[in-house]
């Protein structure tokens, strides 16, 4: 079985030592690849990234179909998940990311239907208990401190509100899992680097996934922070996991 040696505190791109350095490096990487981010996402995932986002949005439909609900798509990148959520129901939505060029892409695609703002996931500019739903797709893994991120998300969620995290994960060992790792670690960085002009960013991607929590480990961390009813679903040969949870009725941060 493929396992991490130990739970990790946060992402750590090569050459970084502190959380501040890690955060700055991640912002620089996504700033660099923003112009071709969507093209490479769809190409390198064989369009499956669209399927994963649509599937996550469908699972969150009971909240999204409430006109009074307010949702935040955190680490929103170019806005693909926020747009997928908006297609499900009339809930009010907004997106946030700390890489400005990503937000430029998101705003262009949304045509002002969804407000997007620049914000750090570890220091959100929102009042306590603001949102009925908070989501993050393929961005939580890039936080410099996972526990602090979960606590900050809990702070801005209303009591009983829902958190949804869609993220890559390492598949189990075996023929299909090994084939995926060959592609993800060997082929993807070359194609991504060639087309984006930044091979470091696409080398970082498989490395960050390899050291990230497995689904059971992330579930345990979420529960330790105080989330309730934590569940996860694993899709596409165990390469993607979607975790959902609720903030407790009382503030437990």
Protein backbone atom coordinates (compact mmCIF):
# COMPACT_ATOMS: atom_id res chain seq x y z
CA UNK A 1 0.00 0.00 0.00
CA UNK A 2 1.26 3.48 -0.87
CA UNK A 3 1.33 5.61 2.29
CA UNK A 4 2.93 8.83 3.43
CA UNK A 5 5.62 8.39 6.07
CA UNK A 6 3.83 10.74 8.42
CA UNK A 7 1.09 13.38 8.28
CA UNK A 8 2.41 16.64 6.86
CA UNK A 9 1.83 20.15 8.16
CA UNK A 10 1.50 21.91 4.82
CA UNK A 11 2.85 22.07 1.32
CA UNK A 12 6.59 22.52 0.90
CA UNK A 13 7.81 23.30 -2.62
CA UNK A 14 11.46 22.54 -3.31
CA UNK A 15 13.78 25.18 -1.90
CA UNK A 16 11.37 26.40 0.79
CA UNK A 17 11.81 26.06 4.54
CA UNK A 18 9.15 28.23 6.18
CA UNK A 19 5.40 28.54 5.69
CA UNK A 20 5.88 32.06 4.35
CA UNK A 21 8.36 30.80 1.75
CA UNK A 22 6.04 27.96 0.76
CA UNK A 23 3.10 30.32 0.34
CA UNK A 24 5.13 32.77 -1.72
CA UNK A 25 6.47 29.99 -3.97
CA UNK A 26 2.98 28.62 -4.62
CA UNK A 27 1.67 32.09 -5.50
CA UNK A 28 4.58 32.63 -7.90
CA UNK A 29 3.98 29.27 -9.61
CA UNK A 30 0.29 29.88 -10.20
CA UNK A 31 0.93 33.44 -11.32
CA UNK A 32 3.33 32.07 -13.94
CA UNK A 33 1.04 29.37 -15.33
CA UNK A 34 -2.27 31.27 -15.15
CA UNK A 35 -2.51 32.07 -18.90
CA UNK A 36 -2.49 28.37 -19.87
CA UNK A 37 -3.87 26.90 -16.67
CA UNK A 38 -7.28 25.91 -18.07
CA UNK A 39 -5.86 24.48 -21.28
CA UNK A 40 -3.43 22.28 -19.39
CA UNK A 41 -5.98 21.22 -16.77
CA UNK A 42 -8.35 19.93 -19.42
CA UNK A 43 -5.62 18.44 -21.60
CA UNK A 44 -3.61 16.69 -18.89
CA UNK A 45 -6.68 15.30 -17.12
CA UNK A 46 -8.25 14.16 -20.42
CA UNK A 47 -11.20 16.46 -19.59
CA UNK A 48 -11.89 14.53 -16.37
CA UNK A 49 -11.42 17.66 -14.28
CA UNK A 50 -14.75 18.90 -15.70
CA UNK A 51 -16.41 15.62 -14.66
CA UNK A 52 -15.02 15.80 -11.10
CA UNK A 53 -16.22 19.36 -10.58
CA UNK A 54 -19.67 18.62 -11.98
CA UNK A 55 -19.97 15.54 -9.78
CA UNK A 56 -18.98 17.50 -6.68
CA UNK A 57 -21.48 20.24 -7.55
CA UNK A 58 -24.26 17.69 -7.94
CA UNK A 59 -23.54 16.26 -4.49
CA UNK A 60 -23.81 19.76 -3.04
CA UNK A 61 -27.08 20.50 -4.85
CA UNK A 62 -29.30 20.55 -1.71
CA UNK A 63 -27.44 23.68 -0.60
CA UNK A 64 -26.97 25.18 -4.05
CA UNK A 65 -30.70 25.00 -4.77
CA UNK A 66 -31.44 27.27 -1.79
CA UNK A 67 -31.82 30.89 -2.97
CA UNK A 68 -30.91 32.13 0.51
CA UNK A 69 -27.62 30.17 0.68
CA UNK A 70 -24.26 31.91 0.39
CA UNK A 71 -21.24 29.93 -0.82
CA UNK A 72 -17.52 30.62 -1.09
CA UNK A 73 -15.25 28.78 -3.51
CA UNK A 74 -11.83 29.09 -1.90
CA UNK A 75 -8.55 28.71 -3.80
CA UNK A 76 -10.85 29.20 -6.77
CA UNK A 77 -8.16 29.55 -9.41
CA UNK A 78 -9.75 30.41 -12.75
CA UNK A 79 -13.26 29.85 -11.38
CA UNK A 80 -14.18 26.48 -12.88
CA UNK A 81 -15.68 25.02 -9.70
CA UNK A 82 -17.55 28.23 -8.86
CA UNK A 83 -19.08 28.17 -12.33
CA UNK A 84 -19.98 24.49 -11.99
CA UNK A 85 -21.68 25.23 -8.66
CA UNK A 86 -23.59 28.15 -10.19
CA UNK A 87 -25.05 25.88 -12.87
CA UNK A 88 -26.74 23.72 -10.21
CA UNK A 89 -28.92 26.24 -8.41
CA UNK A 90 -29.66 29.85 -7.46
CA UNK A 91 -27.45 30.06 -4.35
CA UNK A 92 -25.32 33.20 -4.17
CA UNK A 93 -21.66 32.39 -4.82
CA UNK A 94 -18.32 34.11 -4.67
CA UNK A 95 -14.73 33.01 -5.24
CA UNK A 96 -11.40 33.84 -3.63
CA UNK A 97 -7.78 33.13 -4.51
CA UNK A 98 -4.44 34.71 -3.65
CA UNK A 99 -2.99 34.58 -7.20
CA UNK A 100 -4.25 37.69 -9.00
CA UNK A 101 -3.73 36.45 -12.59
CA UNK A 102 -5.93 33.44 -11.82
CA UNK A 103 -8.70 35.79 -10.71
CA UNK A 104 -8.37 37.79 -13.93
CA UNK A 105 -9.13 34.59 -15.83
CA UNK A 106 -12.03 33.74 -13.49
CA UNK A 107 -13.64 37.16 -13.86
CA UNK A 108 -13.40 37.00 -17.64
CA UNK A 109 -15.14 33.61 -17.73
CA UNK A 110 -17.88 34.50 -15.27
CA UNK A 111 -18.87 37.72 -17.06
CA UNK A 112 -19.50 39.39 -13.69
CA UNK A 113 -22.07 36.78 -12.65
CA UNK A 114 -19.88 35.69 -9.73
CA UNK A 115 -17.77 38.12 -7.68
CA UNK A 116 -14.13 37.13 -7.21
CA UNK A 117 -11.68 38.67 -4.78
CA UNK A 118 -8.03 38.31 -3.85
CA UNK A 119 -7.60 36.67 -0.45
CA UNK A 120 -5.30 34.28 1.40
CA UNK A 121 -7.05 31.09 2.57
CA UNK A 122 -5.23 31.29 5.91
CA UNK A 123 -6.40 34.86 6.60
CA UNK A 124 -9.84 35.31 5.10
CA UNK A 125 -11.39 38.82 5.08
CA UNK A 126 -14.82 37.59 6.18
CA UNK A 127 -16.73 37.73 9.43
CA UNK A 128 -17.29 34.66 11.55
CA UNK A 129 -20.21 32.44 10.48
CA UNK A 130 -20.65 34.03 7.05
CA UNK A 131 -21.21 31.09 4.68
CA UNK A 132 -23.58 28.17 4.21
CA UNK A 133 -21.09 26.38 1.94
CA UNK A 134 -17.34 26.53 1.42
CA UNK A 135 -15.55 24.58 -1.30
CA UNK A 136 -11.99 24.10 -2.49
CA UNK A 137 -11.00 22.18 -5.64
CA UNK A 138 -7.36 21.17 -6.08
CA UNK A 139 -6.21 24.10 -3.97
CA UNK A 140 -6.33 22.92 -0.36
CA UNK A 141 -3.24 20.75 -0.97
CA UNK A 142 -1.27 23.94 -1.73
CA UNK A 143 -1.85 25.58 1.66
CA UNK A 144 1.22 26.18 3.80
CA UNK A 145 -0.62 24.91 6.90
CA UNK A 146 -3.50 22.47 6.52
CA UNK A 147 -4.79 22.59 10.08
CA UNK A 148 -4.82 26.39 10.13
CA UNK A 149 -6.62 26.33 6.81
CA UNK A 150 -9.33 24.02 8.13
CA UNK A 151 -9.75 26.19 11.22
CA UNK A 152 -10.05 29.36 9.18
CA UNK A 153 -12.63 27.69 6.94
CA UNK A 154 -14.57 26.60 10.02
CA UNK A 155 -14.46 30.15 11.37
CA UNK A 156 -16.25 31.61 8.35
CA UNK A 157 -18.77 28.76 8.04
CA UNK A 158 -22.09 29.06 9.79
CA UNK A 159 -22.89 26.47 12.46
CA UNK A 160 -24.09 23.35 10.65
CA UNK A 161 -22.78 24.61 7.27
CA UNK A 162 -20.96 22.39 4.78
CA UNK A 163 -17.35 22.15 3.66
CA UNK A 164 -16.39 20.34 0.43
CA UNK A 165 -12.77 19.59 -0.54
CA UNK A 166 -11.99 18.09 -3.95
CA UNK A 167 -8.37 17.01 -4.19
CA UNK A 168 -5.92 14.69 -5.88
CA UNK A 169 -4.72 11.67 -3.94
CA UNK A 170 -2.34 8.77 -4.52
CA UNK A 171 -4.08 5.68 -5.91
CA UNK A 172 -3.47 2.24 -4.37
CA UNK A 173 -0.67 0.04 -5.65
CA UNK A 174 -1.39 -2.26 -8.57
CA UNK A 175 -1.29 -2.13 -12.34
CA UNK A 176 -3.65 0.83 -12.77
CA UNK A 177 -2.15 2.76 -9.86
CA UNK A 178 1.37 2.23 -11.14
CA UNK A 179 0.34 3.26 -14.66
CA UNK A 180 -1.16 6.44 -13.25
CA UNK A 181 2.00 7.21 -11.28
CA UNK A 182 4.12 6.70 -14.40
CA UNK A 183 1.97 9.22 -16.26
CA UNK A 184 1.55 11.66 -13.37
CA UNK A 185 5.21 11.74 -12.34
CA UNK A 186 6.94 11.15 -15.66
CA UNK A 187 4.81 12.28 -18.57
CA UNK A 188 2.68 15.09 -17.10
CA UNK A 189 5.60 17.29 -15.92
CA UNK A 190 7.19 17.15 -19.37
CA UNK A 191 4.03 18.08 -21.25
CA UNK A 192 2.97 20.66 -18.69
CA UNK A 193 6.41 22.22 -18.59
CA UNK A 194 6.71 22.34 -22.38
CA UNK A 195 3.32 23.97 -22.92
CA UNK A 196 3.36 26.32 -19.91
CA UNK A 197 7.04 27.26 -19.97
CA UNK A 198 7.30 26.38 -16.27
CA UNK A 199 8.30 22.78 -15.69
CA UNK A 200 8.83 23.43 -11.97
CA UNK A 201 5.09 23.96 -11.50
CA UNK A 202 4.23 20.65 -13.12
CA UNK A 203 7.00 18.84 -11.25
CA UNK A 204 5.61 20.32 -8.04
CA UNK A 205 2.15 18.91 -8.79
CA UNK A 206 2.95 15.16 -8.50
CA UNK A 207 5.38 15.77 -5.64
CA UNK A 208 2.77 17.67 -3.66
CA UNK A 209 0.21 14.92 -4.23
CA UNK A 210 2.66 12.20 -3.17
CA UNK A 211 3.26 13.86 0.20
CA UNK A 212 -0.35 14.94 0.75
CA UNK A 213 -2.78 13.15 3.06
CA UNK A 214 -4.49 9.99 1.94
CA UNK A 215 -8.30 10.24 2.19
CA UNK A 216 -8.48 8.54 5.60
CA UNK A 217 -5.75 10.82 6.96
CA UNK A 218 -7.49 13.98 5.78
CA UNK A 219 -10.74 12.72 7.30
CA UNK A 220 -8.96 12.22 10.62
CA UNK A 221 -7.47 15.72 10.50
CA UNK A 222 -10.85 17.28 9.72
CA UNK A 223 -12.42 15.45 12.65
CA UNK A 224 -9.60 16.50 14.98
CA UNK A 225 -10.21 20.15 14.07
CA UNK A 226 -13.87 19.77 14.99
CA UNK A 227 -15.76 19.00 11.78
CA UNK A 228 -18.68 16.60 12.02
CA UNK A 229 -20.18 14.03 9.64
CA UNK A 230 -16.92 13.83 7.67
CA UNK A 231 -17.28 11.62 4.60
CA UNK A 232 -15.26 11.06 1.46
CA UNK A 233 -15.72 9.52 -1.96
CA UNK A 234 -12.84 8.33 -4.14
CA UNK A 235 -13.14 8.58 -7.92
CA UNK A 236 -11.25 7.61 -11.09
CA UNK A 237 -9.13 4.67 -9.93
CA UNK A 238 -8.52 6.27 -6.55
CA UNK A 239 -6.79 9.36 -7.95
CA UNK A 240 -9.28 11.98 -6.72
CA UNK A 241 -11.12 12.29 -3.39
CA UNK A 242 -14.07 14.48 -2.46
CA UNK A 243 -14.45 15.13 1.28
CA UNK A 244 -17.56 16.70 2.78
CA UNK A 245 -18.16 17.75 6.37
CA UNK A 246 -20.23 20.07 8.54
CA UNK A 247 -19.16 22.62 11.05
CA UNK A 248 -20.45 21.74 14.51
CA UNK A 249 -23.40 23.65 15.90
CA UNK A 250 -21.15 25.19 18.52
CA UNK A 251 -17.93 27.02 17.64
CA UNK A 252 -15.16 24.52 18.33
CA UNK A 253 -12.20 26.37 16.87
